Amino acid sequence: MRIFLDANILVAVLCNEYPQFSFCSRVLSLCDNKRFAVFTSPMCLAIAFYFTERKMVRHWQNKKLPCWQVNLE
């Protein structure tokens, strides 16, 4: 069976978005089964990278910037 992964599934797994994470990770784990051929497009990969990068930068800023502000004052 052929399965196409949309960017939403990739983003949910990469960014640990709950409650979608558990369902999307199950779909993504079908890659390990030889009965399934899992595909995605370059555009879906680019979208997933973009949203993952935005979320990680925002997470890093929320975690690090308050610490820097306290140390700089």
PDB file of N, CA and C in Angstrom:
ATOM      1  N   MET A   1       0.839  -1.172   0.000  1.00  0.00           N
ATOM      2  CA  MET A   1       0.000   0.000   0.000  1.00  0.00           C
ATOM      3  C   MET A   1       0.890   1.243   0.000  1.00  0.00           C
ATOM      4  N   ARG A   2       0.484   2.258  -0.720  1.00  0.00           N
ATOM      5  CA  ARG A   2       1.242   3.503  -0.792  1.00  0.00           C
ATOM      6  C   ARG A   2       0.569   4.553   0.083  1.00  0.00           C
ATOM      7  N   ILE A   3       1.374   5.231   0.881  1.00  0.00           N
ATOM      8  CA  ILE A   3       0.876   6.249   1.801  1.00  0.00           C
ATOM      9  C   ILE A   3       1.621   7.551   1.533  1.00  0.00           C
ATOM     10  N   PHE A   4       0.872   8.629   1.413  1.00  0.00           N
ATOM     11  CA  PHE A   4       1.477   9.949   1.235  1.00  0.00           C
ATOM     12  C   PHE A   4       1.364  10.725   2.540  1.00  0.00           C
ATOM     13  N   LEU A   5       2.484  11.199   3.045  1.00  0.00           N
ATOM     14  CA  LEU A   5       2.509  11.972   4.284  1.00  0.00           C
ATOM     15  C   LEU A   5       2.410  13.462   3.966  1.00  0.00           C
ATOM     16  N   ASP A   6       1.449  14.093   4.568  1.00  0.00           N
ATOM     17  CA  ASP A   6       1.276  15.533   4.413  1.00  0.00           C
ATOM     18  C   ASP A   6       2.172  16.256   5.425  1.00  0.00           C
ATOM     19  N   ALA A   7       2.372  17.528   5.221  1.00  0.00           N
ATOM     20  CA  ALA A   7       3.224  18.324   6.114  1.00  0.00           C
ATOM     21  C   ALA A   7       2.680  18.348   7.539  1.00  0.00           C
ATOM     22  N   ASN A   8       1.363  18.294   7.703  1.00  0.00           N
ATOM     23  CA  ASN A   8       0.768  18.330   9.037  1.00  0.00           C
ATOM     24  C   ASN A   8       1.230  17.159   9.898  1.00  0.00           C
ATOM     25  N   ILE A   9       1.359  15.994   9.294  1.00  0.00           N
ATOM     26  CA  ILE A   9       1.815  14.815  10.035  1.00  0.00           C
ATOM     27  C   ILE A   9       3.268  14.986  10.435  1.00  0.00           C
ATOM     28  N   LEU A  10       4.085  15.470   9.530  1.00  0.00           N
ATOM     29  CA  LEU A  10       5.504  15.661   9.833  1.00  0.00           C
ATOM     30  C   LEU A  10       5.700  16.717  10.916  1.00  0.00           C
ATOM     31  N   VAL A  11       4.973  17.808  10.829  1.00  0.00           N
ATOM     32  CA  VAL A  11       5.095  18.878  11.818  1.00  0.00           C
ATOM     33  C   VAL A  11       4.653  18.391  13.195  1.00  0.00           C
ATOM     34  N   ALA A  12       3.554  17.649  13.247  1.00  0.00           N
ATOM     35  CA  ALA A  12       3.051  17.153  14.529  1.00  0.00           C
ATOM     36  C   ALA A  12       4.067  16.251  15.213  1.00  0.00           C
ATOM     37  N   VAL A  13       4.762  15.432  14.443  1.00  0.00           N
ATOM     38  CA  VAL A  13       5.760  14.530  15.023  1.00  0.00           C
ATOM     39  C   VAL A  13       7.028  15.293  15.396  1.00  0.00           C
ATOM     40  N   LEU A  14       7.502  16.151  14.531  1.00  0.00           N
ATOM     41  CA  LEU A  14       8.751  16.873  14.796  1.00  0.00           C
ATOM     42  C   LEU A  14       8.628  17.862  15.945  1.00  0.00           C
ATOM     43  N   CYS A  15       7.450  18.458  16.099  1.00  0.00           N
ATOM     44  CA  CYS A  15       7.254  19.480  17.140  1.00  0.00           C
ATOM     45  C   CYS A  15       6.557  18.935  18.384  1.00  0.00           C
ATOM     46  N   ASN A  16       6.307  17.643  18.428  1.00  0.00           N
ATOM     47  CA  ASN A  16       5.628  17.014  19.570  1.00  0.00           C
ATOM     48  C   ASN A  16       4.322  17.711  19.913  1.00  0.00           C
ATOM     49  N   GLU A  17       3.505  17.918  18.927  1.00  0.00           N
ATOM     50  CA  GLU A  17       2.223  18.590  19.139  1.00  0.00           C
ATOM     51  C   GLU A  17       1.191  17.574  19.604  1.00  0.00           C
ATOM     52  N   TYR A  18       0.704  17.796  20.797  1.00  0.00           N
ATOM     53  CA  TYR A  18      -0.312  16.902  21.353  1.00  0.00           C
ATOM     54  C   TYR A  18      -1.682  17.510  21.134  1.00  0.00           C
ATOM     55  N   PRO A  19      -2.716  16.747  20.911  1.00  0.00           N
ATOM     56  CA  PRO A  19      -2.854  15.294  20.961  1.00  0.00           C
ATOM     57  C   PRO A  19      -2.543  14.599  19.636  1.00  0.00           C
ATOM     58  N   GLN A  20      -2.211  15.348  18.587  1.00  0.00           N
ATOM     59  CA  GLN A  20      -1.962  14.740  17.281  1.00  0.00           C
ATOM     60  C   GLN A  20      -0.715  13.871  17.255  1.00  0.00           C
ATOM     61  N   PHE A  21       0.228  14.106  18.147  1.00  0.00           N
ATOM     62  CA  PHE A  21       1.515  13.422  18.090  1.00  0.00           C
ATOM     63  C   PHE A  21       1.374  11.909  18.105  1.00  0.00           C
ATOM     64  N   SER A  22       0.552  11.368  18.983  1.00  0.00           N
ATOM     65  CA  SER A  22       0.454   9.910  19.107  1.00  0.00           C
ATOM     66  C   SER A  22      -0.105   9.276  17.831  1.00  0.00           C
ATOM     67  N   PHE A  23      -1.099   9.909  17.227  1.00  0.00           N
ATOM     68  CA  PHE A  23      -1.683   9.358  16.003  1.00  0.00           C
ATOM     69  C   PHE A  23      -0.740   9.511  14.815  1.00  0.00           C
ATOM     70  N   CYS A  24      -0.116  10.659  14.713  1.00  0.00           N
ATOM     71  CA  CYS A  24       0.794  10.912  13.589  1.00  0.00           C
ATOM     72  C   CYS A  24       2.048  10.050  13.677  1.00  0.00           C
ATOM     73  N   SER A  25       2.526   9.808  14.875  1.00  0.00           N
ATOM     74  CA  SER A  25       3.709   8.958  15.013  1.00  0.00           C
ATOM     75  C   SER A  25       3.388   7.520  14.618  1.00  0.00           C
ATOM     76  N   ARG A  26       2.161   7.092  14.850  1.00  0.00           N
ATOM     77  CA  ARG A  26       1.757   5.747  14.406  1.00  0.00           C
ATOM     78  C   ARG A  26       1.763   5.657  12.889  1.00  0.00           C
ATOM     79  N   VAL A  27       1.254   6.692  12.248  1.00  0.00           N
ATOM     80  CA  VAL A  27       1.255   6.701  10.782  1.00  0.00           C
ATOM     81  C   VAL A  27       2.688   6.732  10.269  1.00  0.00           C
ATOM     82  N   LEU A  28       3.524   7.541  10.881  1.00  0.00           N
ATOM     83  CA  LEU A  28       4.915   7.647  10.443  1.00  0.00           C
ATOM     84  C   LEU A  28       5.681   6.347  10.684  1.00  0.00           C
ATOM     85  N   SER A  29       5.297   5.592  11.696  1.00  0.00           N
ATOM     86  CA  SER A  29       5.989   4.328  11.983  1.00  0.00           C
ATOM     87  C   SER A  29       5.704   3.263  10.926  1.00  0.00           C
ATOM     88  N   LEU A  30       4.744   3.494  10.049  1.00  0.00           N
ATOM     89  CA  LEU A  30       4.473   2.535   8.974  1.00  0.00           C
ATOM     90  C   LEU A  30       5.633   2.438   7.994  1.00  0.00           C
ATOM     91  N   CYS A  31       6.569   3.377   8.061  1.00  0.00           N
ATOM     92  CA  CYS A  31       7.764   3.312   7.212  1.00  0.00           C
ATOM     93  C   CYS A  31       8.565   2.038   7.473  1.00  0.00           C
ATOM     94  N   ASP A  32       8.501   1.551   8.710  1.00  0.00           N
ATOM     95  CA  ASP A  32       9.266   0.361   9.080  1.00  0.00           C
ATOM     96  C   ASP A  32       8.660  -0.931   8.542  1.00  0.00           C
ATOM     97  N   ASN A  33       7.393  -0.891   8.185  1.00  0.00           N
ATOM     98  CA  ASN A  33       6.714  -2.073   7.676  1.00  0.00           C
ATOM     99  C   ASN A  33       6.917  -2.162   6.169  1.00  0.00           C
ATOM    100  N   LYS A  34       7.369  -3.306   5.690  1.00  0.00           N
ATOM    101  CA  LYS A  34       7.676  -3.465   4.262  1.00  0.00           C
ATOM    102  C   LYS A  34       6.416  -3.504   3.390  1.00  0.00           C
ATOM    103  N   ARG A  35       5.242  -3.669   3.997  1.00  0.00           N
ATOM    104  CA  ARG A  35       4.006  -3.690   3.213  1.00  0.00           C
ATOM    105  C   ARG A  35       3.594  -2.298   2.752  1.00  0.00           C
ATOM    106  N   PHE A  36       4.159  -1.265   3.372  1.00  0.00           N
ATOM    107  CA  PHE A  36       3.765   0.107   3.066  1.00  0.00           C
ATOM    108  C   PHE A  36       4.926   0.869   2.430  1.00  0.00           C
ATOM    109  N   ALA A  37       4.603   1.627   1.411  1.00  0.00           N
ATOM    110  CA  ALA A  37       5.567   2.541   0.798  1.00  0.00           C
ATOM    111  C   ALA A  37       5.114   3.952   1.173  1.00  0.00           C
ATOM    112  N   VAL A  38       5.943   4.649   1.946  1.00  0.00           N
ATOM    113  CA  VAL A  38       5.565   5.962   2.474  1.00  0.00           C
ATOM    114  C   VAL A  38       6.295   7.034   1.668  1.00  0.00           C
ATOM    115  N   PHE A  39       5.537   8.011   1.187  1.00  0.00           N
ATOM    116  CA  PHE A  39       6.066   9.085   0.358  1.00  0.00           C
ATOM    117  C   PHE A  39       5.691  10.442   0.938  1.00  0.00           C
ATOM    118  N   THR A  40       6.457  11.442   0.570  1.00  0.00           N
ATOM    119  CA  THR A  40       6.095  12.829   0.817  1.00  0.00           C
ATOM    120  C   THR A  40       6.706  13.672  -0.297  1.00  0.00           C
ATOM    121  N   SER A  41       6.324  14.907  -0.373  1.00  0.00           N
ATOM    122  CA  SER A  41       6.845  15.766  -1.441  1.00  0.00           C
ATOM    123  C   SER A  41       7.913  16.697  -0.879  1.00  0.00           C
ATOM    124  N   PRO A  42       8.755  17.233  -1.742  1.00  0.00           N
ATOM    125  CA  PRO A  42       9.735  18.217  -1.284  1.00  0.00           C
ATOM    126  C   PRO A  42       9.083  19.442  -0.647  1.00  0.00           C
ATOM    127  N   MET A  43       7.912  19.834  -1.130  1.00  0.00           N
ATOM    128  CA  MET A  43       7.208  20.980  -0.550  1.00  0.00           C
ATOM    129  C   MET A  43       6.761  20.668   0.879  1.00  0.00           C
ATOM    130  N   CYS A  44       6.290  19.450   1.121  1.00  0.00           N
ATOM    131  CA  CYS A  44       5.891  19.058   2.477  1.00  0.00           C
ATOM    132  C   CYS A  44       7.096  19.053   3.419  1.00  0.00           C
ATOM    133  N   LEU A  45       8.242  18.616   2.927  1.00  0.00           N
ATOM    134  CA  LEU A  45       9.459  18.647   3.746  1.00  0.00           C
ATOM    135  C   LEU A  45       9.860  20.079   4.072  1.00  0.00           C
ATOM    136  N   ALA A  46       9.738  20.964   3.087  1.00  0.00           N
ATOM    137  CA  ALA A  46      10.086  22.370   3.319  1.00  0.00           C
ATOM    138  C   ALA A  46       9.141  23.010   4.328  1.00  0.00           C
ATOM    139  N   ILE A  47       7.857  22.721   4.220  1.00  0.00           N
ATOM    140  CA  ILE A  47       6.882  23.267   5.171  1.00  0.00           C
ATOM    141  C   ILE A  47       7.152  22.744   6.569  1.00  0.00           C
ATOM    142  N   ALA A  48       7.429  21.448   6.678  1.00  0.00           N
ATOM    143  CA  ALA A  48       7.719  20.853   7.988  1.00  0.00           C
ATOM    144  C   ALA A  48       8.980  21.470   8.592  1.00  0.00           C
ATOM    145  N   PHE A  49      10.012  21.672   7.777  1.00  0.00           N
ATOM    146  CA  PHE A  49      11.241  22.288   8.271  1.00  0.00           C
ATOM    147  C   PHE A  49      10.974  23.711   8.745  1.00  0.00           C
ATOM    148  N   TYR A  50      10.182  24.464   7.985  1.00  0.00           N
ATOM    149  CA  TYR A  50       9.888  25.849   8.329  1.00  0.00           C
ATOM    150  C   TYR A  50       9.171  25.946   9.678  1.00  0.00           C
ATOM    151  N   PHE A  51       8.103  25.173   9.851  1.00  0.00           N
ATOM    152  CA  PHE A  51       7.346  25.245  11.092  1.00  0.00           C
ATOM    153  C   PHE A  51       8.137  24.699  12.274  1.00  0.00           C
ATOM    154  N   THR A  52       8.934  23.668  12.052  1.00  0.00           N
ATOM    155  CA  THR A  52       9.762  23.133  13.131  1.00  0.00           C
ATOM    156  C   THR A  52      10.805  24.156  13.552  1.00  0.00           C
ATOM    157  N   GLU A  53      11.424  24.802  12.593  1.00  0.00           N
ATOM    158  CA  GLU A  53      12.423  25.822  12.904  1.00  0.00           C
ATOM    159  C   GLU A  53      11.790  26.989  13.656  1.00  0.00           C
ATOM    160  N   ARG A  54      10.617  27.434  13.231  1.00  0.00           N
ATOM    161  CA  ARG A  54       9.930  28.532  13.925  1.00  0.00           C
ATOM    162  C   ARG A  54       9.602  28.166  15.364  1.00  0.00           C
ATOM    163  N   LYS A  55       9.120  26.949  15.564  1.00  0.00           N
ATOM    164  CA  LYS A  55       8.741  26.546  16.914  1.00  0.00           C
ATOM    165  C   LYS A  55       9.973  26.402  17.801  1.00  0.00           C
ATOM    166  N   MET A  56      11.049  25.841  17.262  1.00  0.00           N
ATOM    167  CA  MET A  56      12.248  25.642  18.075  1.00  0.00           C
ATOM    168  C   MET A  56      12.915  26.972  18.409  1.00  0.00           C
ATOM    169  N   VAL A  57      12.910  27.914  17.480  1.00  0.00           N
ATOM    170  CA  VAL A  57      13.492  29.236  17.750  1.00  0.00           C
ATOM    171  C   VAL A  57      12.665  29.941  18.810  1.00  0.00           C
ATOM    172  N   ARG A  58      11.340  29.860  18.692  1.00  0.00           N
ATOM    173  CA  ARG A  58      10.466  30.482  19.683  1.00  0.00           C
ATOM    174  C   ARG A  58      10.668  29.833  21.052  1.00  0.00           C
ATOM    175  N   HIS A  59      10.809  28.512  21.076  1.00  0.00           N
ATOM    176  CA  HIS A  59      11.049  27.799  22.332  1.00  0.00           C
ATOM    177  C   HIS A  59      12.386  28.229  22.931  1.00  0.00           C
ATOM    178  N   TRP A  60      13.403  28.344  22.084  1.00  0.00           N
ATOM    179  CA  TRP A  60      14.726  28.757  22.551  1.00  0.00           C
ATOM    180  C   TRP A  60      14.687  30.183  23.074  1.00  0.00           C
ATOM    181  N   GLN A  61      13.978  31.066  22.368  1.00  0.00           N
ATOM    182  CA  GLN A  61      13.891  32.460  22.806  1.00  0.00           C
ATOM    183  C   GLN A  61      13.158  32.569  24.134  1.00  0.00           C
ATOM    184  N   ASN A  62      12.063  31.842  24.288  1.00  0.00           N
ATOM    185  CA  ASN A  62      11.308  31.900  25.536  1.00  0.00           C
ATOM    186  C   ASN A  62      12.118  31.360  26.709  1.00  0.00           C
ATOM    187  N   LYS A  63      13.007  30.439  26.428  1.00  0.00           N
ATOM    188  CA  LYS A  63      13.799  29.826  27.495  1.00  0.00           C
ATOM    189  C   LYS A  63      15.045  30.651  27.810  1.00  0.00           C
ATOM    190  N   LYS A  64      15.719  31.163  26.804  1.00  0.00           N
ATOM    191  CA  LYS A  64      17.015  31.815  26.990  1.00  0.00           C
ATOM    192  C   LYS A  64      16.930  33.322  27.208  1.00  0.00           C
ATOM    193  N   LEU A  65      16.029  34.016  26.524  1.00  0.00           N
ATOM    194  CA  LEU A  65      16.011  35.471  26.623  1.00  0.00           C
ATOM    195  C   LEU A  65      15.727  35.982  28.040  1.00  0.00           C
ATOM    196  N   PRO A  66      14.767  35.425  28.775  1.00  0.00           N
ATOM    197  CA  PRO A  66      14.583  35.918  30.146  1.00  0.00           C
ATOM    198  C   PRO A  66      15.838  35.740  31.001  1.00  0.00           C
ATOM    199  N   CYS A  67      16.551  34.679  30.786  1.00  0.00           N
ATOM    200  CA  CYS A  67      17.792  34.434  31.527  1.00  0.00           C
ATOM    201  C   CYS A  67      18.838  35.497  31.176  1.00  0.00           C
ATOM    202  N   TRP A  68      18.947  35.827  29.900  1.00  0.00           N
ATOM    203  CA  TRP A  68      19.906  36.846  29.480  1.00  0.00           C
ATOM    204  C   TRP A  68      19.510  38.206  30.013  1.00  0.00           C
ATOM    205  N   GLN A  69      18.229  38.508  30.028  1.00  0.00           N
ATOM    206  CA  GLN A  69      17.781  39.812  30.514  1.00  0.00           C
ATOM    207  C   GLN A  69      18.118  39.997  31.978  1.00  0.00           C
ATOM    208  N   VAL A  70      17.991  38.959  32.764  1.00  0.00           N
ATOM    209  CA  VAL A  70      18.319  39.043  34.199  1.00  0.00           C
ATOM    210  C   VAL A  70      19.808  39.250  34.363  1.00  0.00           C
ATOM    211  N   ASN A  71      20.615  38.562  33.577  1.00  0.00           N
ATOM    212  CA  ASN A  71      22.060  38.649  33.714  1.00  0.00           C
ATOM    213  C   ASN A  71      22.619  39.966  33.178  1.00  0.00           C
ATOM    214  N   LEU A  72      21.939  40.600  32.253  1.00  0.00           N
ATOM    215  CA  LEU A  72      22.440  41.833  31.669  1.00  0.00           C
ATOM    216  C   LEU A  72      22.065  43.078  32.480  1.00  0.00           C
ATOM    217  N   GLU A  73      21.043  42.987  33.305  1.00  0.00           N
ATOM    218  CA  GLU A  73      20.601  44.173  34.061  1.00  0.00           C
ATOM    219  C   GLU A  73      21.452  44.428  35.269  1.00  0.00           C
TER     220      GLU A  73
END
